[in-house]
Protein backbone atom coordinates (compact mmCIF):
# COMPACT_ATOMS: atom_id res chain seq x y z
CA MET A 1 91.28 60.18 194.12
CA ALA A 2 95.03 59.93 193.41
CA SER A 3 97.04 61.00 190.53
CA GLU A 4 98.21 58.01 188.73
CA SER A 5 101.96 59.30 189.10
CA SER A 6 101.94 59.44 192.58
CA ILE A 7 99.83 55.95 193.46
CA LEU A 8 100.31 54.55 196.59
CA LEU A 9 101.61 51.00 196.52
CA GLY A 10 101.28 48.39 199.03
CA ASN A 11 103.82 45.27 199.78
CA LEU A 12 105.21 42.65 197.13
CA VAL A 13 103.28 39.48 197.18
CA ARG A 14 103.41 36.58 195.00
CA LEU A 15 101.10 36.34 192.52
CA GLU A 16 100.53 32.36 193.58
CA SER A 17 99.56 33.45 196.96
CA LEU A 18 97.04 36.12 196.06
CA THR A 19 93.40 35.24 197.38
CA GLY A 20 89.82 36.12 196.46
CA ASP A 21 89.98 38.16 200.02
CA ASP A 22 93.33 40.01 198.93
CA LEU A 23 91.30 40.91 195.98
CA VAL A 24 88.31 42.25 197.32
CA ARG A 25 90.26 44.03 199.95
CA HIS A 26 92.23 45.98 197.19
CA PRO A 27 90.62 45.61 193.77
CA ILE A 28 93.69 46.89 191.78
CA TRP A 29 97.33 45.15 191.72
CA VAL A 30 100.07 46.21 189.60
CA ASN A 31 103.75 44.54 188.61
CA ASP A 32 105.88 47.32 188.79
CA LEU A 33 109.49 45.93 189.01
CA SER A 34 110.34 48.21 191.39
CA GLY A 35 111.13 45.59 193.80
CA GLU A 36 113.53 43.88 191.33
CA SER A 37 116.34 43.99 194.31
CA SER A 38 114.03 42.62 196.72
CA ILE A 39 114.60 39.17 197.98
CA GLY A 40 112.10 36.56 196.69
CA PHE A 41 111.15 39.19 194.07
CA ASP A 42 110.30 37.62 190.69
CA GLU A 43 108.15 38.38 187.60
CA THR A 44 105.22 37.24 189.23
CA SER A 45 105.48 39.58 192.27
CA ILE A 46 102.79 41.96 192.51
CA ARG A 47 101.84 44.99 194.80
CA PRO A 48 98.41 46.33 195.62
CA VAL A 49 97.18 49.66 195.02
CA LEU A 50 96.18 51.36 198.44
CA GLU A 51 94.20 54.11 197.32
CA GLU A 52 91.19 54.46 194.96
CA VAL A 53 92.15 55.56 191.60
CA SER A 54 90.37 55.05 188.25
CA VAL A 55 91.77 52.26 186.01
CA THR A 56 93.02 53.80 182.60
CA ARG A 57 95.05 52.75 179.50
CA GLN A 58 97.37 55.46 180.42
CA LEU A 59 98.06 53.45 184.11
CA ALA A 60 97.97 50.08 182.13
CA ARG A 61 101.20 51.44 180.07
CA GLN A 62 103.10 52.26 183.54
CA TYR A 63 103.13 49.08 184.86
CA ALA A 64 104.32 45.53 183.38
CA GLU A 65 100.96 44.29 184.36
CA LEU A 66 97.71 46.05 185.92
CA SER A 67 95.26 43.33 187.22
CA ILE A 68 91.55 44.50 188.31
CA ALA A 69 88.91 42.58 190.19
CA LEU A 70 85.31 41.74 188.46
CA GLN A 71 82.32 40.04 189.30
CA ASP A 72 80.16 37.80 187.27
CA THR A 73 77.05 39.70 186.32
CA GLU A 74 74.79 36.57 187.02
CA SER A 75 76.42 34.99 189.92
CA ASP A 76 78.66 37.67 191.78
CA ALA A 77 81.57 35.12 191.36
CA LEU A 78 85.07 36.73 191.77
CA TYR A 79 87.24 37.45 189.01
CA SER A 80 90.56 38.84 188.20
CA ALA A 81 92.05 39.87 184.95
CA ASN A 82 94.79 41.95 183.22
CA TYR A 83 93.61 45.34 181.99
CA ARG A 84 95.65 46.14 178.88
CA ASP A 85 96.41 49.34 177.28
CA ASP A 86 93.91 48.81 174.72
CA GLY A 87 91.06 48.64 176.95
CA GLN A 88 90.56 44.81 176.86
CA LEU A 89 91.04 42.12 179.53
CA GLU A 90 93.40 39.03 179.46
CA CYS A 91 94.49 36.17 181.91
CA VAL A 92 91.23 36.17 183.16
CA ALA A 93 90.57 33.48 186.12
CA THR A 94 87.79 33.04 188.48
CA TRP A 95 88.25 32.29 192.37
CA LYS A 96 86.66 29.04 193.05
CA ASP A 97 87.54 26.10 195.60
CA GLU A 98 90.40 28.43 197.08
CA LYS A 99 92.52 28.46 193.65
CA TRP A 100 92.23 30.77 190.65
CA ILE A 101 90.98 28.82 187.44
CA GLU A 102 90.37 29.98 183.65
CA PRO A 103 86.91 30.37 183.10
CA VAL A 104 85.51 27.79 180.00
CA SER A 105 82.50 29.45 179.09
CA GLU A 106 81.29 33.08 177.93
CA VAL A 107 80.32 35.38 181.27
CA VAL A 108 79.72 38.94 181.40
CA LEU A 109 81.93 40.70 183.86
CA LYS A 110 81.62 43.90 185.76
CA ALA A 111 84.32 45.59 187.27
CA ILE A 112 84.66 46.49 190.48
CA PRO A 113 87.19 49.63 190.36
CA THR A 114 86.29 52.29 188.15
CA VAL A 115 87.77 51.92 184.65
CA GLU A 116 87.94 54.81 182.40
CA GLY A 117 85.98 56.82 184.80
CA ARG A 118 83.21 54.58 184.27
CA ILE A 119 81.81 52.69 187.41
CA GLY A 120 80.57 49.03 186.88
CA LEU A 121 82.03 48.82 183.36
CA ARG A 122 81.38 45.91 181.88
CA PHE A 123 83.23 43.15 179.75
CA LYS A 124 82.09 40.11 178.00
CA PHE A 125 84.70 37.15 178.02
CA ASN A 126 85.01 35.04 175.14
CA PRO A 127 86.80 31.37 176.09
CA ASP A 128 87.97 30.94 172.48
CA SER A 129 90.24 33.86 172.30
CA GLY A 130 90.75 34.04 176.29
CA ARG A 131 89.96 37.94 176.35
CA ALA A 132 87.27 39.96 177.52
CA VAL A 133 86.02 43.22 175.52
CA GLN A 134 83.80 45.89 176.98
CA SER A 135 80.27 45.22 176.29
CA GLY A 136 78.72 48.58 177.09
């Protein structure tokens, strides 16, 4: 497992171009602002993490955004969410009909990457708050 300070990142991708297949291939994405001088870069430009790392609160503090892949524990539907440095998720979206949409009901999600050293960490999404908190 790579150390947090030397994580290998892939090429810039515009957030609106990210697909479910991209998220399955690379379950962690970051906006590191290092591409600010690159042509086509904007605040929605993200990079895939190309190696296995554990998502941590410290890692979340290192980037403008850190997004992770999740699966619905009931239907295996694919989700993406920003992991915050307080351990909660925000900007939760699901990949449906070839586009990202916001969920409208409560759902329990299982993280695909290791989070805080735990495999399969679960989060409960609340549509009223738009956030998900660890559920055990």
